[in-house]
Amino acid sequence: MPSIDGAQVRKLVIACDAGMGSSVLMANQLKKRLRDNGVVIEHSPLDAIPADADLVLTHSKLADRVRPHAGDRPVVAFTAFVGDPAVDGVVTAIHEGTTIDG
């Protein structure tokens, strides 16, 4: 399972399926929560994850489809677009410089 030190995350991508409405909402929330950490937040179709992404977030229903496109980058799955503990854990790990497993 790939992992990364939260302090090393410079680009976080929210990978989604066809539509981007929910991923845009999450991207905007994360931009506010991580604005002081210098992390670039983007959303992307699951089959077009940017090569310079350090970490990928995706809905749990898409995780198995996202992992082959993520390569050796951690993929963190969440179930709720607002208030999900997995997303909160990523934010905390980036703030505190602790390990993110994916």
N, C-alpha and C. Protein backbone atom coordinates (compact mmCIF):
# COMPACT_ATOMS: atom_id res chain seq x y z
N MET A 1 0.85 -1.19 0.00
CA MET A 1 0.00 0.00 0.00
C MET A 1 0.89 1.24 0.00
N PRO A 2 0.74 2.12 -0.99
CA PRO A 2 1.54 3.34 -1.03
C PRO A 2 1.21 4.27 0.14
N SER A 3 2.19 5.06 0.54
CA SER A 3 1.97 6.05 1.59
C SER A 3 2.82 7.28 1.28
N ILE A 4 2.50 8.37 1.97
CA ILE A 4 3.24 9.62 1.79
C ILE A 4 3.18 10.38 3.11
N ASP A 5 4.24 11.09 3.40
CA ASP A 5 4.26 11.99 4.55
C ASP A 5 3.40 13.19 4.19
N GLY A 6 2.49 13.55 5.06
CA GLY A 6 1.57 14.66 4.78
C GLY A 6 2.28 15.96 4.44
N ALA A 7 3.46 16.18 5.01
CA ALA A 7 4.22 17.40 4.74
C ALA A 7 4.76 17.43 3.32
N GLN A 8 4.80 16.27 2.65
CA GLN A 8 5.33 16.18 1.29
C GLN A 8 4.25 16.36 0.21
N VAL A 9 2.99 16.45 0.63
CA VAL A 9 1.89 16.58 -0.34
C VAL A 9 1.88 18.01 -0.89
N ARG A 10 2.09 18.13 -2.18
CA ARG A 10 2.05 19.43 -2.86
C ARG A 10 0.87 19.53 -3.81
N LYS A 11 0.40 18.35 -4.30
CA LYS A 11 -0.75 18.35 -5.20
C LYS A 11 -1.66 17.19 -4.83
N LEU A 12 -2.89 17.51 -4.49
CA LEU A 12 -3.92 16.55 -4.13
C LEU A 12 -4.99 16.59 -5.20
N VAL A 13 -5.36 15.42 -5.71
CA VAL A 13 -6.36 15.33 -6.77
C VAL A 13 -7.56 14.55 -6.27
N ILE A 14 -8.75 15.07 -6.51
CA ILE A 14 -9.99 14.35 -6.23
C ILE A 14 -10.42 13.74 -7.55
N ALA A 15 -10.37 12.41 -7.62
CA ALA A 15 -10.73 11.70 -8.86
C ALA A 15 -12.19 11.32 -8.81
N CYS A 16 -12.88 11.59 -9.92
CA CYS A 16 -14.31 11.31 -9.98
C CYS A 16 -14.63 10.53 -11.25
N ASP A 17 -15.89 10.21 -11.40
CA ASP A 17 -16.35 9.46 -12.56
C ASP A 17 -16.74 10.45 -13.65
N ALA A 18 -17.93 10.37 -14.17
CA ALA A 18 -18.35 11.20 -15.30
C ALA A 18 -18.53 12.67 -14.91
N GLY A 19 -19.40 12.94 -13.96
CA GLY A 19 -19.66 14.32 -13.56
C GLY A 19 -18.60 14.81 -12.60
N MET A 20 -18.53 16.13 -12.43
CA MET A 20 -17.53 16.68 -11.53
C MET A 20 -18.15 17.56 -10.47
N GLY A 21 -19.45 17.53 -10.31
CA GLY A 21 -20.10 18.39 -9.34
C GLY A 21 -19.65 18.16 -7.92
N SER A 22 -19.68 16.92 -7.48
CA SER A 22 -19.30 16.60 -6.11
C SER A 22 -17.81 16.80 -5.87
N SER A 23 -16.99 16.45 -6.86
CA SER A 23 -15.55 16.62 -6.68
C SER A 23 -15.17 18.09 -6.64
N VAL A 24 -15.88 18.93 -7.38
CA VAL A 24 -15.63 20.37 -7.33
C VAL A 24 -15.99 20.90 -5.94
N LEU A 25 -17.09 20.46 -5.39
CA LEU A 25 -17.50 20.85 -4.04
C LEU A 25 -16.42 20.47 -3.03
N MET A 26 -15.94 19.23 -3.11
CA MET A 26 -14.90 18.80 -2.18
C MET A 26 -13.61 19.57 -2.41
N ALA A 27 -13.24 19.80 -3.65
CA ALA A 27 -12.02 20.56 -3.94
C ALA A 27 -12.09 21.94 -3.31
N ASN A 28 -13.21 22.61 -3.41
CA ASN A 28 -13.36 23.94 -2.82
C ASN A 28 -13.25 23.89 -1.30
N GLN A 29 -13.84 22.87 -0.68
CA GLN A 29 -13.73 22.71 0.77
C GLN A 29 -12.28 22.49 1.19
N LEU A 30 -11.58 21.63 0.46
CA LEU A 30 -10.19 21.34 0.81
C LEU A 30 -9.28 22.54 0.57
N LYS A 31 -9.55 23.32 -0.45
CA LYS A 31 -8.75 24.53 -0.70
C LYS A 31 -8.82 25.46 0.51
N LYS A 32 -9.99 25.59 1.10
CA LYS A 32 -10.14 26.43 2.29
C LYS A 32 -9.40 25.84 3.48
N ARG A 33 -9.49 24.54 3.64
CA ARG A 33 -8.88 23.88 4.80
C ARG A 33 -7.36 23.77 4.70
N LEU A 34 -6.83 23.80 3.48
CA LEU A 34 -5.39 23.60 3.28
C LEU A 34 -4.70 24.80 2.67
N ARG A 35 -5.36 25.94 2.66
CA ARG A 35 -4.81 27.12 1.99
C ARG A 35 -3.46 27.55 2.56
N ASP A 36 -3.21 27.32 3.84
CA ASP A 36 -1.95 27.75 4.44
C ASP A 36 -0.84 26.71 4.29
N ASN A 37 -1.13 25.58 3.68
CA ASN A 37 -0.13 24.52 3.54
C ASN A 37 0.50 24.48 2.15
N GLY A 38 0.06 25.33 1.24
CA GLY A 38 0.64 25.37 -0.09
C GLY A 38 0.29 24.17 -0.97
N VAL A 39 -0.80 23.49 -0.66
CA VAL A 39 -1.22 22.32 -1.43
C VAL A 39 -2.15 22.76 -2.55
N VAL A 40 -1.84 22.32 -3.76
CA VAL A 40 -2.71 22.56 -4.91
C VAL A 40 -3.77 21.47 -4.91
N ILE A 41 -5.03 21.87 -5.02
CA ILE A 41 -6.15 20.94 -5.02
C ILE A 41 -6.80 20.99 -6.39
N GLU A 42 -6.96 19.82 -7.02
CA GLU A 42 -7.63 19.75 -8.31
C GLU A 42 -8.60 18.59 -8.32
N HIS A 43 -9.53 18.63 -9.26
CA HIS A 43 -10.39 17.48 -9.50
C HIS A 43 -10.08 16.98 -10.90
N SER A 44 -10.30 15.69 -11.10
CA SER A 44 -9.91 15.08 -12.37
C SER A 44 -10.78 13.85 -12.64
N PRO A 45 -11.04 13.55 -13.91
CA PRO A 45 -11.66 12.26 -14.21
C PRO A 45 -10.72 11.15 -13.75
N LEU A 46 -11.28 10.04 -13.32
CA LEU A 46 -10.45 8.97 -12.75
C LEU A 46 -9.43 8.41 -13.72
N ASP A 47 -9.66 8.52 -15.01
CA ASP A 47 -8.71 7.99 -15.98
C ASP A 47 -7.73 9.04 -16.51
N ALA A 48 -7.71 10.22 -15.88
CA ALA A 48 -6.81 11.29 -16.33
C ALA A 48 -6.14 11.98 -15.14
N ILE A 49 -5.72 11.20 -14.16
CA ILE A 49 -5.07 11.76 -12.97
C ILE A 49 -3.73 12.37 -13.41
N PRO A 50 -3.49 13.63 -13.07
CA PRO A 50 -2.25 14.28 -13.49
C PRO A 50 -1.01 13.54 -12.96
N ALA A 51 0.02 13.50 -13.77
CA ALA A 51 1.24 12.79 -13.40
C ALA A 51 1.93 13.40 -12.19
N ASP A 52 1.70 14.69 -11.92
CA ASP A 52 2.36 15.34 -10.80
C ASP A 52 1.54 15.31 -9.51
N ALA A 53 0.47 14.54 -9.48
CA ALA A 53 -0.32 14.40 -8.25
C ALA A 53 0.47 13.60 -7.23
N ASP A 54 0.43 14.04 -5.97
CA ASP A 54 1.09 13.32 -4.88
C ASP A 54 0.13 12.39 -4.16
N LEU A 55 -1.14 12.74 -4.17
CA LEU A 55 -2.15 12.03 -3.39
C LEU A 55 -3.48 12.12 -4.13
N VAL A 56 -4.25 11.02 -4.10
CA VAL A 56 -5.53 10.98 -4.79
C VAL A 56 -6.62 10.64 -3.79
N LEU A 57 -7.69 11.41 -3.79
CA LEU A 57 -8.90 11.11 -3.02
C LEU A 57 -9.99 10.71 -4.00
N THR A 58 -10.79 9.72 -3.61
CA THR A 58 -11.90 9.31 -4.47
C THR A 58 -12.97 8.66 -3.62
N HIS A 59 -14.18 8.63 -4.15
CA HIS A 59 -15.27 7.96 -3.46
C HIS A 59 -14.97 6.47 -3.37
N SER A 60 -15.39 5.85 -2.29
CA SER A 60 -15.10 4.42 -2.06
C SER A 60 -15.62 3.53 -3.18
N LYS A 61 -16.71 3.92 -3.82
CA LYS A 61 -17.26 3.13 -4.92
C LYS A 61 -16.37 3.17 -6.17
N LEU A 62 -15.47 4.14 -6.25
CA LEU A 62 -14.59 4.29 -7.41
C LEU A 62 -13.15 3.86 -7.14
N ALA A 63 -12.83 3.56 -5.91
CA ALA A 63 -11.43 3.33 -5.52
C ALA A 63 -10.75 2.24 -6.35
N ASP A 64 -11.42 1.13 -6.58
CA ASP A 64 -10.81 0.04 -7.35
C ASP A 64 -10.56 0.44 -8.79
N ARG A 65 -11.37 1.33 -9.32
CA ARG A 65 -11.17 1.81 -10.69
C ARG A 65 -10.08 2.87 -10.76
N VAL A 66 -9.89 3.63 -9.68
CA VAL A 66 -8.92 4.72 -9.65
C VAL A 66 -7.50 4.19 -9.47
N ARG A 67 -7.32 3.18 -8.63
CA ARG A 67 -5.97 2.71 -8.28
C ARG A 67 -5.08 2.40 -9.48
N PRO A 68 -5.57 1.74 -10.53
CA PRO A 68 -4.68 1.48 -11.68
C PRO A 68 -4.20 2.76 -12.37
N HIS A 69 -4.96 3.84 -12.26
CA HIS A 69 -4.59 5.11 -12.89
C HIS A 69 -3.71 5.96 -11.98
N ALA A 70 -3.64 5.60 -10.69
CA ALA A 70 -2.88 6.37 -9.72
C ALA A 70 -1.42 5.94 -9.64
N GLY A 71 -1.09 4.79 -10.20
CA GLY A 71 0.30 4.32 -10.14
C GLY A 71 0.73 4.05 -8.72
N ASP A 72 1.86 4.62 -8.32
CA ASP A 72 2.40 4.38 -6.99
C ASP A 72 1.98 5.44 -5.97
N ARG A 73 1.01 6.25 -6.34
CA ARG A 73 0.53 7.29 -5.42
C ARG A 73 -0.57 6.74 -4.52
N PRO A 74 -0.61 7.18 -3.27
CA PRO A 74 -1.68 6.72 -2.37
C PRO A 74 -3.05 7.17 -2.86
N VAL A 75 -4.03 6.29 -2.70
CA VAL A 75 -5.43 6.59 -3.01
C VAL A 75 -6.21 6.43 -1.72
N VAL A 76 -6.81 7.51 -1.27
CA VAL A 76 -7.62 7.49 -0.05
C VAL A 76 -9.08 7.51 -0.47
N ALA A 77 -9.82 6.52 -0.01
CA ALA A 77 -11.25 6.42 -0.33
C ALA A 77 -12.09 7.05 0.78
N PHE A 78 -13.13 7.74 0.38
CA PHE A 78 -14.07 8.34 1.34
C PHE A 78 -15.48 7.92 0.94
N THR A 79 -16.43 8.10 1.87
CA THR A 79 -17.81 7.73 1.57
C THR A 79 -18.75 8.94 1.52
N ALA A 80 -18.39 10.02 2.20
CA ALA A 80 -19.25 11.21 2.23
C ALA A 80 -18.47 12.42 1.71
N PHE A 81 -19.10 13.23 0.90
CA PHE A 81 -18.43 14.40 0.33
C PHE A 81 -18.29 15.54 1.34
N VAL A 82 -18.99 15.45 2.46
CA VAL A 82 -18.89 16.46 3.51
C VAL A 82 -18.73 15.74 4.84
N GLY A 83 -17.71 16.11 5.60
CA GLY A 83 -17.52 15.59 6.94
C GLY A 83 -17.06 14.14 7.01
N ASP A 84 -16.36 13.66 6.01
CA ASP A 84 -15.90 12.27 6.02
C ASP A 84 -14.63 12.13 6.88
N PRO A 85 -14.58 11.14 7.75
CA PRO A 85 -13.39 10.95 8.61
C PRO A 85 -12.10 10.69 7.82
N ALA A 86 -12.18 10.02 6.68
CA ALA A 86 -10.98 9.77 5.89
C ALA A 86 -10.41 11.09 5.35
N VAL A 87 -11.26 11.97 4.92
CA VAL A 87 -10.82 13.28 4.40
C VAL A 87 -10.27 14.11 5.56
N ASP A 88 -10.95 14.09 6.69
CA ASP A 88 -10.45 14.81 7.87
C ASP A 88 -9.08 14.30 8.27
N GLY A 89 -8.86 12.98 8.16
CA GLY A 89 -7.56 12.40 8.47
C GLY A 89 -6.47 12.87 7.54
N VAL A 90 -6.79 13.03 6.26
CA VAL A 90 -5.83 13.54 5.28
C VAL A 90 -5.47 14.98 5.62
N VAL A 91 -6.46 15.79 5.93
CA VAL A 91 -6.20 17.20 6.27
C VAL A 91 -5.31 17.28 7.51
N THR A 92 -5.63 16.49 8.52
CA THR A 92 -4.81 16.48 9.74
C THR A 92 -3.38 16.05 9.44
N ALA A 93 -3.23 15.00 8.65
CA ALA A 93 -1.89 14.49 8.31
C ALA A 93 -1.08 15.53 7.54
N ILE A 94 -1.71 16.29 6.68
CA ILE A 94 -1.00 17.34 5.94
C ILE A 94 -0.60 18.46 6.89
N HIS A 95 -1.49 18.84 7.78
CA HIS A 95 -1.17 19.90 8.77
C HIS A 95 -0.04 19.46 9.70
N GLU A 96 -0.07 18.20 10.13
CA GLU A 96 0.86 17.73 11.15
C GLU A 96 2.08 17.01 10.59
N GLY A 97 2.08 16.73 9.29
CA GLY A 97 3.22 16.04 8.69
C GLY A 97 3.30 14.58 9.06
N THR A 98 2.15 13.94 9.22
CA THR A 98 2.14 12.51 9.55
C THR A 98 1.81 11.69 8.30
N THR A 99 1.95 10.39 8.42
CA THR A 99 1.81 9.49 7.27
C THR A 99 0.37 9.34 6.81
N ILE A 100 0.21 9.36 5.49
CA ILE A 100 -1.08 9.09 4.85
C ILE A 100 -0.92 7.79 4.09
N ASP A 101 -1.72 6.80 4.43
CA ASP A 101 -1.70 5.52 3.75
C ASP A 101 -2.83 5.44 2.75
N GLY A 102 -2.57 4.82 1.64
CA GLY A 102 -3.61 4.69 0.64
C GLY A 102 -3.41 3.45 -0.14
